[in-house]
Structures are given as structure tokens and as C-alpha cells.
Protein backbone atom coordinates (compact mmCIF):
# COMPACT_ATOMS: atom_id res chain seq x y z
CA MET A 1 110.90 93.53 62.48
CA ASN A 2 110.19 92.39 66.01
CA THR A 3 107.72 94.68 67.94
CA ARG A 4 109.33 96.70 70.69
CA LEU A 5 108.49 95.18 73.88
CA VAL A 6 108.68 97.27 77.45
CA GLY A 7 109.91 95.83 80.79
CA LEU A 8 108.04 95.43 83.72
CA ALA A 9 108.62 98.57 86.69
CA PRO A 10 111.27 98.04 89.61
CA VAL A 11 110.39 96.51 92.86
CA ALA A 12 112.23 98.51 95.37
CA ASP A 13 111.67 100.84 97.97
CA ALA A 14 113.52 102.91 100.96
CA ARG A 15 114.36 99.69 102.62
CA THR A 16 115.93 97.91 99.73
CA ARG A 17 119.95 97.01 100.49
CA LEU A 18 120.31 94.90 97.33
CA VAL A 19 118.58 94.54 93.86
CA VAL A 20 119.30 91.75 91.69
CA LEU A 21 119.42 92.65 88.45
CA GLY A 22 117.79 90.33 85.50
CA SER A 23 118.53 91.54 81.69
CA PHE A 24 114.89 91.38 80.38
CA PRO A 25 111.56 89.59 81.36
CA SER A 26 111.08 86.20 79.56
CA VAL A 27 107.46 86.10 77.24
CA ALA A 28 106.12 84.24 80.20
CA SER A 29 107.39 86.99 82.51
CA LEU A 30 106.25 89.80 80.10
CA ALA A 31 102.78 87.57 79.68
CA ALA A 32 102.04 87.71 83.10
CA GLY A 33 103.25 90.99 83.93
CA GLN A 34 105.61 89.13 87.00
CA TYR A 35 109.16 88.74 87.34
CA TYR A 36 110.42 85.48 86.78
CA ALA A 37 107.17 83.93 85.59
CA HIS A 38 108.37 80.91 83.80
CA PRO A 39 107.92 77.70 85.74
CA ARG A 40 111.39 76.12 85.65
CA ASN A 41 113.16 79.56 86.74
CA HIS A 42 114.94 78.77 89.59
CA PHE A 43 115.09 82.56 91.06
CA TRP A 44 111.83 81.77 93.48
CA PRO A 45 112.59 78.77 94.37
CA ILE A 46 116.35 79.76 95.63
CA LEU A 47 114.56 82.73 97.57
CA SER A 48 112.26 80.15 99.26
CA ALA A 49 115.10 77.96 100.31
CA LEU A 50 117.16 81.04 101.37
CA TRP A 51 114.68 82.47 103.50
CA GLY A 52 112.64 79.26 104.41
CA VAL A 53 109.06 80.44 102.68
CA ASP A 54 107.29 79.21 99.95
CA LEU A 55 106.80 82.29 97.92
CA ARG A 56 105.69 80.40 94.92
CA ALA A 57 102.84 79.21 97.09
CA LEU A 58 102.02 83.20 97.91
CA PRO A 59 100.10 85.47 95.42
CA TYR A 60 102.39 87.64 93.05
CA PRO A 61 101.82 91.00 95.23
CA GLU A 62 102.45 89.01 98.80
CA ARG A 63 105.99 87.52 97.44
CA LEU A 64 106.70 90.86 96.41
CA ASP A 65 105.87 92.77 99.65
CA GLU A 66 107.83 89.92 101.69
CA VAL A 67 110.85 90.86 98.94
CA ARG A 68 110.59 94.14 100.00
CA ARG A 69 110.39 93.65 103.62
CA ARG A 70 113.81 91.83 103.60
CA GLY A 71 115.61 94.50 101.56
CA LEU A 72 115.62 93.08 98.22
CA GLY A 73 114.77 94.90 94.68
CA ILE A 74 114.28 93.10 91.66
CA TRP A 75 114.88 94.87 88.21
CA ASP A 76 116.13 94.53 84.85
CA VAL A 77 118.69 96.36 82.66
CA TYR A 78 117.07 96.79 79.85
CA ALA A 79 114.12 98.97 79.85
CA ALA A 80 112.65 98.20 76.43
CA CYS A 81 114.46 96.12 73.22
CA ARG A 82 113.33 93.97 70.33
CA ARG A 83 113.64 90.04 70.85
CA ASP A 84 112.29 87.05 69.66
CA GLY A 85 111.82 84.72 72.15
CA SER A 86 112.96 84.80 75.50
CA LEU A 87 117.08 84.20 75.18
CA ASP A 88 119.11 86.97 75.85
CA THR A 89 120.91 86.26 72.72
CA ALA A 90 117.91 86.92 70.76
CA ILE A 91 117.88 90.84 72.62
CA GLU A 92 118.09 93.40 70.00
CA ASP A 93 118.19 97.36 69.79
CA ALA A 94 117.89 97.14 74.11
CA GLU A 95 117.79 100.87 75.98
CA LEU A 96 118.80 100.60 79.48
CA ASN A 97 117.30 101.68 82.87
CA ASP A 98 117.45 104.57 84.49
CA PHE A 99 119.56 103.52 87.60
CA ALA A 100 120.39 106.64 88.66
CA ALA A 101 116.36 106.97 89.46
CA LEU A 102 116.80 103.40 91.09
CA ARG A 103 119.06 105.65 93.59
CA LEU A 104 116.64 108.06 94.30
CA LEU A 105 114.11 104.82 94.59
CA ALA A 106 116.32 103.27 97.05
CA PRO A 107 118.05 105.60 98.88
CA GLN A 108 119.56 102.49 101.29
CA LEU A 109 121.03 100.49 97.95
CA HIS A 110 124.47 99.08 98.77
CA ALA A 111 124.99 96.59 95.67
CA VAL A 112 123.38 94.95 92.63
CA ALA A 113 123.72 91.51 92.05
CA HIS A 114 123.72 90.89 88.34
CA ASN A 115 121.66 87.71 87.76
CA GLY A 116 123.42 85.96 84.38
CA GLY A 117 126.13 87.49 81.69
CA GLU A 118 123.96 89.66 80.00
CA SER A 119 123.03 91.79 82.38
CA ALA A 120 126.57 91.72 84.07
CA ARG A 121 127.56 93.50 80.51
CA ALA A 122 126.02 96.48 82.37
CA MET A 123 128.36 96.29 85.66
CA ARG A 124 130.14 99.50 85.26
CA ARG A 125 127.66 102.03 84.58
CA LEU A 126 126.41 100.28 88.33
CA GLN A 127 129.94 101.02 89.59
CA ALA A 128 129.73 104.12 88.17
CA LEU A 129 126.99 105.00 90.56
CA GLY A 130 128.86 104.30 93.37
CA LEU A 131 127.37 100.70 93.89
CA ALA A 132 128.52 97.34 94.64
CA THR A 133 128.13 94.80 91.88
CA LEU A 134 128.36 91.01 91.79
CA ARG A 135 127.58 88.32 89.10
CA LEU A 136 125.31 85.62 90.05
CA PRO A 137 124.57 82.73 88.30
CA SER A 138 121.71 83.24 86.20
CA THR A 139 118.40 81.61 87.71
CA SER A 140 117.04 80.86 83.74
CA PRO A 141 116.13 77.44 82.83
CA ALA A 142 118.56 78.10 79.93
CA ASN A 143 121.40 77.94 82.77
CA ALA A 144 121.19 73.87 82.94
CA SER A 145 125.14 74.06 83.09
CA TRP A 146 124.46 74.79 87.17
CA SER A 147 122.50 72.86 89.85
CA PHE A 148 120.23 74.73 91.76
CA GLU A 149 122.30 73.40 94.91
CA ARG A 150 125.04 75.16 93.23
CA LYS A 151 122.80 78.00 92.00
CA LEU A 152 121.67 78.28 95.45
CA ALA A 153 124.54 78.21 97.35
CA ALA A 154 126.24 81.31 94.90
CA TRP A 155 123.21 83.20 96.07
CA ARG A 156 123.31 82.61 99.78
CA GLU A 157 126.75 83.53 99.95
CA VAL A 158 125.91 87.17 98.58
CA PHE A 159 122.48 87.67 100.41
CA ALA A 160 124.38 86.81 103.91
CA ALA A 161 126.88 89.29 102.69
CA TYR A 162 124.31 91.99 102.65
CA ASP A 163 121.89 90.59 105.51
CA LEU A 164 119.30 89.07 103.53
CA ALA A 165 119.62 85.56 103.83
């Protein structure tokens, strides 16, 4: 049986207005202890394009400082799961994160943007907390049907709506 994997801590603080929720960190992200560590994931390039800052050139702690400074949070839907590889379709025995605790950590939080379909499966739970919920196209390299430009346009629209662009 697969080993139980534990996800990463939330990146959020009192300035956070929008949280991007992934499903669960990839193998590369867990190994690095960093969100969106896979080199082909579009998350950091999209934020870089939106903000005009080359985030991938910054050390990871400075990336997170920039994210928090701009009012963005990063977390995942699942706190823990069993999974072989990195695909969402392989996630088993998943345990949801404590979203009520997120509200305490980020009292200015207005909305959650789900990074892909697996994350979006938790939309109702977040709506129950009174949060606006949106679904963004996944930044994962597995989402090859969306070009970078198309993903960027969708993300730009959401970020602009919450004054993060």
C-alpha cells in the first residue's frame, strides 16, 4: 500500500484576500518542500507575468514574501493522502485541510480560486464558509490542452477581480 503523504503548510496571513487552492503537492513539490516546484508547472510563470516580477529568479522564501505582500495565499484542498506519482487521478484516502482554520489565519479572505478540477471538487465546502469560489484552469503540465496564454488570460481575469493583478 502507498505511504501516507502529508502536504505543505498554508501560505497566508492577515493581508490575504484570495487563496489559490491546488489539490495536493506533486512529488517534486513535496521533495523540495515548495509549492509548484515542478519546472514545467505554469504557476510561477503565470504570477510572474501578472505581476511583472520574475518570481522564479527569486529564492523561494522571497517568492512567498511577494505572494503574501500582494494579498495572495497558496494552499491545497488535501492535507494528506495516498498517491503513487503526481497525478490527481491517483489520489486515494484523501483528508481535507481545515478550511475554517484558514479563515482565522486570513481574516480578510474573500475568495478561493481552485487550481484545476480536483481542487474544485471541494467548492461546496468553501462556499459553506461564505467564500466566493472560482475555478481556474490547472497550471499543471498535465493540463496540456490549455496554452500558457489561455491560462494566463483566465488567471488575469480572476486576479483583476480581487485587485491582485
